[in-house]
């Protein structure tokens, strides 16, 4: 009997959503699927607009999962300078994604 009461107490603490809530969540998800594909395409365009050396740094760091130290060694910069350049690259990409232009 105690086990049954504990289970019921746990079940009553769970969040249960109404059917309307589930429908709205599904609608929101469907609306964002197309947006996600558009954002990926826009990001690709923004990356293509970067200077070649910046594009290579970005690819090494994020697409090849290299550490900043490895990227710095490959481009013959200090780690600190590499952090600064990657930060500027990310800012440039963010501006581009928001409708601005790249450098």
PDB file of N, CA and C in Angstrom:
ATOM      1  N   UNK A   1       0.814  -1.188   0.000  1.00  0.00           N
ATOM      2  CA  UNK A   1       0.000   0.000   0.000  1.00  0.00           C
ATOM      3  C   UNK A   1       0.867   1.266   0.000  1.00  0.00           C
ATOM      4  N   UNK A   2       1.951   1.253   0.781  1.00  0.00           N
ATOM      5  CA  UNK A   2       2.837   2.423   0.824  1.00  0.00           C
ATOM      6  C   UNK A   2       3.493   2.668  -0.531  1.00  0.00           C
ATOM      7  N   UNK A   3       3.901   1.597  -1.196  1.00  0.00           N
ATOM      8  CA  UNK A   3       4.514   1.732  -2.517  1.00  0.00           C
ATOM      9  C   UNK A   3       3.537   2.359  -3.495  1.00  0.00           C
ATOM     10  N   UNK A   4       2.307   1.906  -3.470  1.00  0.00           N
ATOM     11  CA  UNK A   4       1.273   2.449  -4.347  1.00  0.00           C
ATOM     12  C   UNK A   4       1.075   3.943  -4.085  1.00  0.00           C
ATOM     13  N   UNK A   5       1.011   4.343  -2.821  1.00  0.00           N
ATOM     14  CA  UNK A   5       0.818   5.750  -2.472  1.00  0.00           C
ATOM     15  C   UNK A   5       2.011   6.595  -2.918  1.00  0.00           C
ATOM     16  N   UNK A   6       3.241   6.059  -2.788  1.00  0.00           N
ATOM     17  CA  UNK A   6       4.433   6.790  -3.238  1.00  0.00           C
ATOM     18  C   UNK A   6       4.402   6.998  -4.748  1.00  0.00           C
ATOM     19  N   UNK A   7       4.011   5.943  -5.472  1.00  0.00           N
ATOM     20  CA  UNK A   7       3.936   6.055  -6.938  1.00  0.00           C
ATOM     21  C   UNK A   7       2.911   7.101  -7.341  1.00  0.00           C
ATOM     22  N   UNK A   8       1.772   7.109  -6.715  1.00  0.00           N
ATOM     23  CA  UNK A   8       0.728   8.093  -7.025  1.00  0.00           C
ATOM     24  C   UNK A   8       1.197   9.511  -6.694  1.00  0.00           C
ATOM     25  N   UNK A   9       1.937   9.657  -5.621  1.00  0.00           N
ATOM     26  CA  UNK A   9       2.465  10.977  -5.254  1.00  0.00           C
ATOM     27  C   UNK A   9       3.452  11.466  -6.303  1.00  0.00           C
ATOM     28  N   UNK A  10       4.297  10.558  -6.782  1.00  0.00           N
ATOM     29  CA  UNK A  10       5.263  10.923  -7.826  1.00  0.00           C
ATOM     30  C   UNK A  10       4.534  11.293  -9.106  1.00  0.00           C
ATOM     31  N   UNK A  11       3.535  10.504  -9.491  1.00  0.00           N
ATOM     32  CA  UNK A  11       2.777  10.783 -10.712  1.00  0.00           C
ATOM     33  C   UNK A  11       2.070  12.128 -10.648  1.00  0.00           C
ATOM     34  N   UNK A  12       1.573  12.498  -9.487  1.00  0.00           N
ATOM     35  CA  UNK A  12       0.860  13.769  -9.371  1.00  0.00           C
ATOM     36  C   UNK A  12       1.788  14.967  -9.492  1.00  0.00           C
ATOM     37  N   UNK A  13       3.095  14.763  -9.285  1.00  0.00           N
ATOM     38  CA  UNK A  13       4.068  15.854  -9.399  1.00  0.00           C
ATOM     39  C   UNK A  13       4.548  16.059 -10.834  1.00  0.00           C
ATOM     40  N   UNK A  14       4.295  15.103 -11.702  1.00  0.00           N
ATOM     41  CA  UNK A  14       4.717  15.234 -13.097  1.00  0.00           C
ATOM     42  C   UNK A  14       3.886  16.293 -13.798  1.00  0.00           C
ATOM     43  N   UNK A  15       4.503  16.894 -14.795  1.00  0.00           N
ATOM     44  CA  UNK A  15       3.772  17.880 -15.586  1.00  0.00           C
ATOM     45  C   UNK A  15       2.991  17.166 -16.691  1.00  0.00           C
ATOM     46  N   UNK A  16       1.762  17.492 -16.800  1.00  0.00           N
ATOM     47  CA  UNK A  16       0.928  16.939 -17.869  1.00  0.00           C
ATOM     48  C   UNK A  16       0.424  18.110 -18.687  1.00  0.00           C
ATOM     49  N   UNK A  17       0.549  18.018 -19.999  1.00  0.00           N
ATOM     50  CA  UNK A  17       0.131  19.093 -20.888  1.00  0.00           C
ATOM     51  C   UNK A  17      -1.212  18.756 -21.520  1.00  0.00           C
ATOM     52  N   UNK A  18      -1.958  19.789 -21.801  1.00  0.00           N
ATOM     53  CA  UNK A  18      -3.251  19.591 -22.464  1.00  0.00           C
ATOM     54  C   UNK A  18      -3.018  19.255 -23.937  1.00  0.00           C
ATOM     55  N   UNK A  19      -4.047  18.725 -24.564  1.00  0.00           N
ATOM     56  CA  UNK A  19      -3.979  18.396 -25.985  1.00  0.00           C
ATOM     57  C   UNK A  19      -3.690  19.653 -26.799  1.00  0.00           C
ATOM     58  N   UNK A  20      -4.285  20.763 -26.404  1.00  0.00           N
ATOM     59  CA  UNK A  20      -4.062  22.043 -27.072  1.00  0.00           C
ATOM     60  C   UNK A  20      -2.587  22.439 -26.999  1.00  0.00           C
ATOM     61  N   UNK A  21      -1.966  22.221 -25.858  1.00  0.00           N
ATOM     62  CA  UNK A  21      -0.554  22.546 -25.675  1.00  0.00           C
ATOM     63  C   UNK A  21       0.313  21.713 -26.618  1.00  0.00           C
ATOM     64  N   UNK A  22       0.028  20.411 -26.696  1.00  0.00           N
ATOM     65  CA  UNK A  22       0.782  19.547 -27.606  1.00  0.00           C
ATOM     66  C   UNK A  22       0.621  19.994 -29.059  1.00  0.00           C
ATOM     67  N   UNK A  23      -0.579  20.392 -29.437  1.00  0.00           N
ATOM     68  CA  UNK A  23      -0.824  20.862 -30.805  1.00  0.00           C
ATOM     69  C   UNK A  23      -0.036  22.126 -31.099  1.00  0.00           C
ATOM     70  N   UNK A  24      -0.005  23.049 -30.156  1.00  0.00           N
ATOM     71  CA  UNK A  24       0.746  24.292 -30.356  1.00  0.00           C
ATOM     72  C   UNK A  24       2.242  24.034 -30.451  1.00  0.00           C
ATOM     73  N   UNK A  25       2.758  23.117 -29.618  1.00  0.00           N
ATOM     74  CA  UNK A  25       4.179  22.761 -29.687  1.00  0.00           C
ATOM     75  C   UNK A  25       4.512  22.164 -31.055  1.00  0.00           C
ATOM     76  N   UNK A  26       3.649  21.296 -31.560  1.00  0.00           N
ATOM     77  CA  UNK A  26       3.873  20.684 -32.872  1.00  0.00           C
ATOM     78  C   UNK A  26       3.857  21.743 -33.975  1.00  0.00           C
ATOM     79  N   UNK A  27       2.934  22.691 -33.886  1.00  0.00           N
ATOM     80  CA  UNK A  27       2.858  23.765 -34.880  1.00  0.00           C
ATOM     81  C   UNK A  27       4.129  24.613 -34.864  1.00  0.00           C
ATOM     82  N   UNK A  28       4.601  24.957 -33.676  1.00  0.00           N
ATOM     83  CA  UNK A  28       5.826  25.748 -33.556  1.00  0.00           C
ATOM     84  C   UNK A  28       7.018  25.007 -34.131  1.00  0.00           C
ATOM     85  N   UNK A  29       7.103  23.717 -33.858  1.00  0.00           N
ATOM     86  CA  UNK A  29       8.207  22.919 -34.378  1.00  0.00           C
ATOM     87  C   UNK A  29       8.174  22.898 -35.902  1.00  0.00           C
ATOM     88  N   UNK A  30       7.009  22.657 -36.483  1.00  0.00           N
ATOM     89  CA  UNK A  30       6.884  22.618 -37.941  1.00  0.00           C
ATOM     90  C   UNK A  30       7.235  23.955 -38.570  1.00  0.00           C
ATOM     91  N   UNK A  31       6.901  25.036 -37.902  1.00  0.00           N
ATOM     92  CA  UNK A  31       7.203  26.369 -38.434  1.00  0.00           C
ATOM     93  C   UNK A  31       8.694  26.655 -38.430  1.00  0.00           C
ATOM     94  N   UNK A  32       9.448  26.064 -37.503  1.00  0.00           N
ATOM     95  CA  UNK A  32      10.873  26.353 -37.418  1.00  0.00           C
ATOM     96  C   UNK A  32      11.727  25.436 -38.284  1.00  0.00           C
ATOM     97  N   UNK A  33      11.184  24.335 -38.790  1.00  0.00           N
ATOM     98  CA  UNK A  33      11.978  23.404 -39.593  1.00  0.00           C
ATOM     99  C   UNK A  33      12.505  24.087 -40.842  1.00  0.00           C
ATOM    100  N   UNK A  34      11.668  24.795 -41.571  1.00  0.00           N
ATOM    101  CA  UNK A  34      12.103  25.500 -42.774  1.00  0.00           C
ATOM    102  C   UNK A  34      13.078  26.610 -42.454  1.00  0.00           C
ATOM    103  N   UNK A  35      12.881  27.289 -41.356  1.00  0.00           N
ATOM    104  CA  UNK A  35      13.764  28.362 -40.932  1.00  0.00           C
ATOM    105  C   UNK A  35      15.164  27.840 -40.657  1.00  0.00           C
ATOM    106  N   UNK A  36      15.244  26.666 -40.067  1.00  0.00           N
ATOM    107  CA  UNK A  36      16.547  26.064 -39.759  1.00  0.00           C
ATOM    108  C   UNK A  36      17.345  25.834 -41.042  1.00  0.00           C
ATOM    109  N   UNK A  37      16.716  25.282 -42.067  1.00  0.00           N
ATOM    110  CA  UNK A  37      17.396  25.051 -43.339  1.00  0.00           C
ATOM    111  C   UNK A  37      17.855  26.368 -43.970  1.00  0.00           C
ATOM    112  N   UNK A  38      17.019  27.386 -43.863  1.00  0.00           N
ATOM    113  CA  UNK A  38      17.374  28.702 -44.406  1.00  0.00           C
ATOM    114  C   UNK A  38      18.575  29.279 -43.667  1.00  0.00           C
ATOM    115  N   UNK A  39      18.608  29.110 -42.361  1.00  0.00           N
ATOM    116  CA  UNK A  39      19.727  29.628 -41.577  1.00  0.00           C
ATOM    117  C   UNK A  39      21.030  28.921 -41.931  1.00  0.00           C
ATOM    118  N   UNK A  40      20.976  27.626 -42.146  1.00  0.00           N
ATOM    119  CA  UNK A  40      22.176  26.887 -42.536  1.00  0.00           C
ATOM    120  C   UNK A  40      22.683  27.381 -43.884  1.00  0.00           C
ATOM    121  N   UNK A  41      21.779  27.597 -44.833  1.00  0.00           N
ATOM    122  CA  UNK A  41      22.178  28.102 -46.147  1.00  0.00           C
ATOM    123  C   UNK A  41      22.784  29.504 -46.027  1.00  0.00           C
ATOM    124  N   UNK A  42      22.181  30.350 -45.206  1.00  0.00           N
ATOM    125  CA  UNK A  42      22.703  31.704 -45.005  1.00  0.00           C
ATOM    126  C   UNK A  42      24.089  31.649 -44.362  1.00  0.00           C
ATOM    127  N   UNK A  43      24.276  30.758 -43.373  1.00  0.00           N
ATOM    128  CA  UNK A  43      25.582  30.619 -42.735  1.00  0.00           C
ATOM    129  C   UNK A  43      26.630  30.181 -43.747  1.00  0.00           C
ATOM    130  N   UNK A  44      26.293  29.252 -44.613  1.00  0.00           N
ATOM    131  CA  UNK A  44      27.234  28.819 -45.658  1.00  0.00           C
ATOM    132  C   UNK A  44      27.633  29.987 -46.558  1.00  0.00           C
ATOM    133  N   UNK A  45      26.657  30.800 -46.922  1.00  0.00           N
ATOM    134  CA  UNK A  45      26.953  31.966 -47.760  1.00  0.00           C
ATOM    135  C   UNK A  45      27.862  32.947 -47.021  1.00  0.00           C
ATOM    136  N   UNK A  46      27.596  33.154 -45.748  1.00  0.00           N
ATOM    137  CA  UNK A  46      28.419  34.071 -44.956  1.00  0.00           C
ATOM    138  C   UNK A  46      29.844  33.547 -44.818  1.00  0.00           C
ATOM    139  N   UNK A  47      30.003  32.251 -44.626  1.00  0.00           N
ATOM    140  CA  UNK A  47      31.341  31.660 -44.520  1.00  0.00           C
ATOM    141  C   UNK A  47      32.087  31.806 -45.836  1.00  0.00           C
ATOM    142  N   UNK A  48      31.408  31.634 -46.943  1.00  0.00           N
ATOM    143  CA  UNK A  48      32.045  31.777 -48.255  1.00  0.00           C
ATOM    144  C   UNK A  48      32.543  33.202 -48.491  1.00  0.00           C
ATOM    145  N   UNK A  49      31.911  34.180 -47.878  1.00  0.00           N
ATOM    146  CA  UNK A  49      32.309  35.583 -48.057  1.00  0.00           C
ATOM    147  C   UNK A  49      33.528  35.971 -47.233  1.00  0.00           C
ATOM    148  N   UNK A  50      33.904  35.135 -46.268  1.00  0.00           N
ATOM    149  CA  UNK A  50      35.068  35.453 -45.435  1.00  0.00           C
ATOM    150  C   UNK A  50      36.345  35.444 -46.264  1.00  0.00           C
ATOM    151  N   UNK A  51      37.349  36.143 -45.759  1.00  0.00           N
ATOM    152  CA  UNK A  51      38.675  36.068 -46.367  1.00  0.00           C
ATOM    153  C   UNK A  51      39.135  34.612 -46.290  1.00  0.00           C
ATOM    154  N   UNK A  52      39.915  34.198 -47.277  1.00  0.00           N
ATOM    155  CA  UNK A  52      40.335  32.799 -47.354  1.00  0.00           C
ATOM    156  C   UNK A  52      41.052  32.327 -46.093  1.00  0.00           C
ATOM    157  N   UNK A  53      41.952  33.151 -45.546  1.00  0.00           N
ATOM    158  CA  UNK A  53      42.671  32.724 -44.338  1.00  0.00           C
ATOM    159  C   UNK A  53      41.748  32.625 -43.132  1.00  0.00           C
ATOM    160  N   UNK A  54      40.762  33.507 -43.044  1.00  0.00           N
ATOM    161  CA  UNK A  54      39.798  33.427 -41.949  1.00  0.00           C
ATOM    162  C   UNK A  54      38.903  32.193 -42.101  1.00  0.00           C
ATOM    163  N   UNK A  55      38.508  31.925 -43.325  1.00  0.00           N
ATOM    164  CA  UNK A  55      37.691  30.745 -43.587  1.00  0.00           C
ATOM    165  C   UNK A  55      38.437  29.472 -43.188  1.00  0.00           C
ATOM    166  N   UNK A  56      39.729  29.413 -43.498  1.00  0.00           N
ATOM    167  CA  UNK A  56      40.528  28.243 -43.137  1.00  0.00           C
ATOM    168  C   UNK A  56      40.674  28.100 -41.625  1.00  0.00           C
ATOM    169  N   UNK A  57      40.847  29.209 -40.925  1.00  0.00           N
ATOM    170  CA  UNK A  57      40.923  29.157 -39.462  1.00  0.00           C
ATOM    171  C   UNK A  57      39.609  28.627 -38.885  1.00  0.00           C
ATOM    172  N   UNK A  58      38.512  29.129 -39.399  1.00  0.00           N
ATOM    173  CA  UNK A  58      37.199  28.703 -38.942  1.00  0.00           C
ATOM    174  C   UNK A  58      36.988  27.207 -39.193  1.00  0.00           C
ATOM    175  N   UNK A  59      37.349  26.752 -40.362  1.00  0.00           N
ATOM    176  CA  UNK A  59      37.210  25.334 -40.705  1.00  0.00           C
ATOM    177  C   UNK A  59      38.066  24.476 -39.791  1.00  0.00           C
ATOM    178  N   UNK A  60      39.305  24.893 -39.579  1.00  0.00           N
ATOM    179  CA  UNK A  60      40.183  24.119 -38.689  1.00  0.00           C
ATOM    180  C   UNK A  60      39.614  24.050 -37.275  1.00  0.00           C
ATOM    181  N   UNK A  61      39.135  25.167 -36.795  1.00  0.00           N
ATOM    182  CA  UNK A  61      38.680  25.223 -35.399  1.00  0.00           C
ATOM    183  C   UNK A  61      37.367  24.488 -35.179  1.00  0.00           C
ATOM    184  N   UNK A  62      36.382  24.720 -36.032  1.00  0.00           N
ATOM    185  CA  UNK A  62      35.039  24.225 -35.740  1.00  0.00           C
ATOM    186  C   UNK A  62      34.616  23.007 -36.557  1.00  0.00           C
ATOM    187  N   UNK A  63      35.153  22.856 -37.752  1.00  0.00           N
ATOM    188  CA  UNK A  63      34.723  21.726 -38.568  1.00  0.00           C
ATOM    189  C   UNK A  63      35.675  20.539 -38.456  1.00  0.00           C
ATOM    190  N   UNK A  64      36.906  20.804 -38.059  1.00  0.00           N
ATOM    191  CA  UNK A  64      37.869  19.725 -37.865  1.00  0.00           C
ATOM    192  C   UNK A  64      38.166  19.516 -36.387  1.00  0.00           C
ATOM    193  N   UNK A  65      37.429  20.230 -35.528  1.00  0.00           N
ATOM    194  CA  UNK A  65      37.545  20.095 -34.077  1.00  0.00           C
ATOM    195  C   UNK A  65      38.970  20.245 -33.554  1.00  0.00           C
ATOM    196  N   UNK A  66      39.719  21.131 -34.149  1.00  0.00           N
ATOM    197  CA  UNK A  66      41.068  21.409 -33.652  1.00  0.00           C
ATOM    198  C   UNK A  66      40.978  22.397 -32.494  1.00  0.00           C
ATOM    199  N   UNK A  67      41.884  22.287 -31.561  1.00  0.00           N
ATOM    200  CA  UNK A  67      41.941  23.239 -30.477  1.00  0.00           C
ATOM    201  C   UNK A  67      42.546  24.551 -30.961  1.00  0.00           C
ATOM    202  N   UNK A  68      42.338  25.600 -30.197  1.00  0.00           N
ATOM    203  CA  UNK A  68      42.881  26.908 -30.572  1.00  0.00           C
ATOM    204  C   UNK A  68      44.398  26.843 -30.665  1.00  0.00           C
ATOM    205  N   UNK A  69      45.014  26.068 -29.801  1.00  0.00           N
ATOM    206  CA  UNK A  69      46.469  25.927 -29.840  1.00  0.00           C
ATOM    207  C   UNK A  69      46.925  25.332 -31.167  1.00  0.00           C
ATOM    208  N   UNK A  70      46.204  24.327 -31.662  1.00  0.00           N
ATOM    209  CA  UNK A  70      46.542  23.708 -32.951  1.00  0.00           C
ATOM    210  C   UNK A  70      46.347  24.690 -34.097  1.00  0.00           C
ATOM    211  N   UNK A  71      45.252  25.427 -34.049  1.00  0.00           N
ATOM    212  CA  UNK A  71      44.990  26.420 -35.104  1.00  0.00           C
ATOM    213  C   UNK A  71      46.080  27.476 -35.089  1.00  0.00           C
ATOM    214  N   UNK A  72      46.451  27.946 -33.906  1.00  0.00           N
ATOM    215  CA  UNK A  72      47.498  28.972 -33.792  1.00  0.00           C
ATOM    216  C   UNK A  72      48.802  28.482 -34.391  1.00  0.00           C
ATOM    217  N   UNK A  73      49.151  27.241 -34.118  1.00  0.00           N
ATOM    218  CA  UNK A  73      50.393  26.682 -34.666  1.00  0.00           C
ATOM    219  C   UNK A  73      50.333  26.596 -36.188  1.00  0.00           C
ATOM    220  N   UNK A  74      49.191  26.215 -36.721  1.00  0.00           N
ATOM    221  CA  UNK A  74      49.048  26.082 -38.184  1.00  0.00           C
ATOM    222  C   UNK A  74      49.139  27.418 -38.902  1.00  0.00           C
ATOM    223  N   UNK A  75      48.639  28.475 -38.263  1.00  0.00           N
ATOM    224  CA  UNK A  75      48.639  29.789 -38.924  1.00  0.00           C
ATOM    225  C   UNK A  75      49.772  30.678 -38.434  1.00  0.00           C
ATOM    226  N   UNK A  76      50.626  30.121 -37.598  1.00  0.00           N
ATOM    227  CA  UNK A  76      51.805  30.821 -37.097  1.00  0.00           C
ATOM    228  C   UNK A  76      51.437  32.121 -36.366  1.00  0.00           C
ATOM    229  N   UNK A  77      50.519  31.996 -35.404  1.00  0.00           N
ATOM    230  CA  UNK A  77      50.109  33.107 -34.552  1.00  0.00           C
ATOM    231  C   UNK A  77      50.174  32.645 -33.106  1.00  0.00           C
ATOM    232  N   UNK A  78      50.128  33.600 -32.206  1.00  0.00           N
ATOM    233  CA  UNK A  78      50.044  33.228 -30.798  1.00  0.00           C
ATOM    234  C   UNK A  78      48.622  32.752 -30.515  1.00  0.00           C
ATOM    235  N   UNK A  79      48.475  32.042 -29.414  1.00  0.00           N
ATOM    236  CA  UNK A  79      47.150  31.563 -29.022  1.00  0.00           C
ATOM    237  C   UNK A  79      46.218  32.749 -28.767  1.00  0.00           C
ATOM    238  N   UNK A  80      46.731  33.773 -28.105  1.00  0.00           N
ATOM    239  CA  UNK A  80      45.921  34.953 -27.807  1.00  0.00           C
ATOM    240  C   UNK A  80      45.452  35.643 -29.085  1.00  0.00           C
ATOM    241  N   UNK A  81      46.355  35.786 -30.042  1.00  0.00           N
ATOM    242  CA  UNK A  81      45.992  36.414 -31.316  1.00  0.00           C
ATOM    243  C   UNK A  81      44.958  35.569 -32.048  1.00  0.00           C
ATOM    244  N   UNK A  82      45.096  34.274 -31.962  1.00  0.00           N
ATOM    245  CA  UNK A  82      44.148  33.375 -32.622  1.00  0.00           C
ATOM    246  C   UNK A  82      42.774  33.499 -31.982  1.00  0.00           C
ATOM    247  N   UNK A  83      42.714  33.585 -30.653  1.00  0.00           N
ATOM    248  CA  UNK A  83      41.433  33.810 -29.977  1.00  0.00           C
ATOM    249  C   UNK A  83      40.786  35.102 -30.469  1.00  0.00           C
ATOM    250  N   UNK A  84      41.575  36.165 -30.587  1.00  0.00           N
ATOM    251  CA  UNK A  84      41.035  37.449 -31.036  1.00  0.00           C
ATOM    252  C   UNK A  84      40.499  37.361 -32.458  1.00  0.00           C
ATOM    253  N   UNK A  85      41.255  36.713 -33.341  1.00  0.00           N
ATOM    254  CA  UNK A  85      40.813  36.595 -34.739  1.00  0.00           C
ATOM    255  C   UNK A  85      39.539  35.752 -34.826  1.00  0.00           C
ATOM    256  N   UNK A  86      39.498  34.639 -34.098  1.00  0.00           N
ATOM    257  CA  UNK A  86      38.293  33.801 -34.112  1.00  0.00           C
ATOM    258  C   UNK A  86      37.088  34.557 -33.555  1.00  0.00           C
ATOM    259  N   UNK A  87      37.325  35.382 -32.558  1.00  0.00           N
ATOM    260  CA  UNK A  87      36.247  36.195 -32.008  1.00  0.00           C
ATOM    261  C   UNK A  87      35.724  37.172 -33.051  1.00  0.00           C
ATOM    262  N   UNK A  88      36.637  37.812 -33.780  1.00  0.00           N
ATOM    263  CA  UNK A  88      36.227  38.739 -34.849  1.00  0.00           C
ATOM    264  C   UNK A  88      35.498  38.002 -35.964  1.00  0.00           C
ATOM    265  N   UNK A  89      35.936  36.806 -36.280  1.00  0.00           N
ATOM    266  CA  UNK A  89      35.273  36.003 -37.317  1.00  0.00           C
ATOM    267  C   UNK A  89      33.839  35.680 -36.881  1.00  0.00           C
ATOM    268  N   UNK A  90      33.672  35.269 -35.635  1.00  0.00           N
ATOM    269  CA  UNK A  90      32.323  34.957 -35.141  1.00  0.00           C
ATOM    270  C   UNK A  90      31.430  36.193 -35.167  1.00  0.00           C
ATOM    271  N   UNK A  91      31.979  37.357 -34.811  1.00  0.00           N
ATOM    272  CA  UNK A  91      31.223  38.599 -34.855  1.00  0.00           C
ATOM    273  C   UNK A  91      30.816  38.930 -36.299  1.00  0.00           C
ATOM    274  N   UNK A  92      31.736  38.744 -37.209  1.00  0.00           N
ATOM    275  CA  UNK A  92      31.453  38.984 -38.620  1.00  0.00           C
ATOM    276  C   UNK A  92      30.332  38.071 -39.109  1.00  0.00           C
ATOM    277  N   UNK A  93      30.405  36.798 -38.734  1.00  0.00           N
ATOM    278  CA  UNK A  93      29.359  35.854 -39.140  1.00  0.00           C
ATOM    279  C   UNK A  93      28.016  36.212 -38.511  1.00  0.00           C
ATOM    280  N   UNK A  94      28.030  36.612 -37.258  1.00  0.00           N
ATOM    281  CA  UNK A  94      26.779  37.006 -36.606  1.00  0.00           C
ATOM    282  C   UNK A  94      26.160  38.206 -37.316  1.00  0.00           C
ATOM    283  N   UNK A  95      26.985  39.196 -37.641  1.00  0.00           N
ATOM    284  CA  UNK A  95      26.477  40.372 -38.357  1.00  0.00           C
ATOM    285  C   UNK A  95      25.918  39.982 -39.713  1.00  0.00           C
ATOM    286  N   UNK A  96      26.605  39.097 -40.394  1.00  0.00           N
ATOM    287  CA  UNK A  96      26.142  38.637 -41.696  1.00  0.00           C
ATOM    288  C   UNK A  96      24.805  37.911 -41.571  1.00  0.00           C
ATOM    289  N   UNK A  97      24.680  37.062 -40.568  1.00  0.00           N
ATOM    290  CA  UNK A  97      23.449  36.306 -40.370  1.00  0.00           C
ATOM    291  C   UNK A  97      22.277  37.227 -40.024  1.00  0.00           C
ATOM    292  N   UNK A  98      22.570  38.355 -39.395  1.00  0.00           N
ATOM    293  CA  UNK A  98      21.524  39.292 -39.015  1.00  0.00           C
ATOM    294  C   UNK A  98      21.206  40.283 -40.128  1.00  0.00           C
ATOM    295  N   UNK A  99      21.778  40.052 -41.299  1.00  0.00           N
ATOM    296  CA  UNK A  99      21.465  40.899 -42.429  1.00  0.00           C
ATOM    297  C   UNK A  99      22.516  41.895 -42.811  1.00  0.00           C
ATOM    298  N   UNK A 100      23.590  41.972 -42.026  1.00  0.00           N
ATOM    299  CA  UNK A 100      24.699  42.858 -42.369  1.00  0.00           C
ATOM    300  C   UNK A 100      25.567  42.213 -43.421  1.00  0.00           C
ATOM    301  N   UNK A 101      26.740  42.723 -43.581  1.00  0.00           N
ATOM    302  CA  UNK A 101      27.662  42.142 -44.551  1.00  0.00           C
ATOM    303  C   UNK A 101      28.940  41.698 -43.856  1.00  0.00           C
ATOM    304  N   UNK A 102      29.719  40.874 -44.551  1.00  0.00           N
ATOM    305  CA  UNK A 102      31.004  40.470 -44.014  1.00  0.00           C
ATOM    306  C   UNK A 102      32.042  41.486 -44.424  1.00  0.00           C
ATOM    307  N   UNK A 103      33.211  41.399 -43.789  1.00  0.00           N
ATOM    308  CA  UNK A 103      34.274  42.356 -44.097  1.00  0.00           C
ATOM    309  C   UNK A 103      34.856  42.109 -45.456  1.00  0.00           C
TER     310      UNK A 103
END
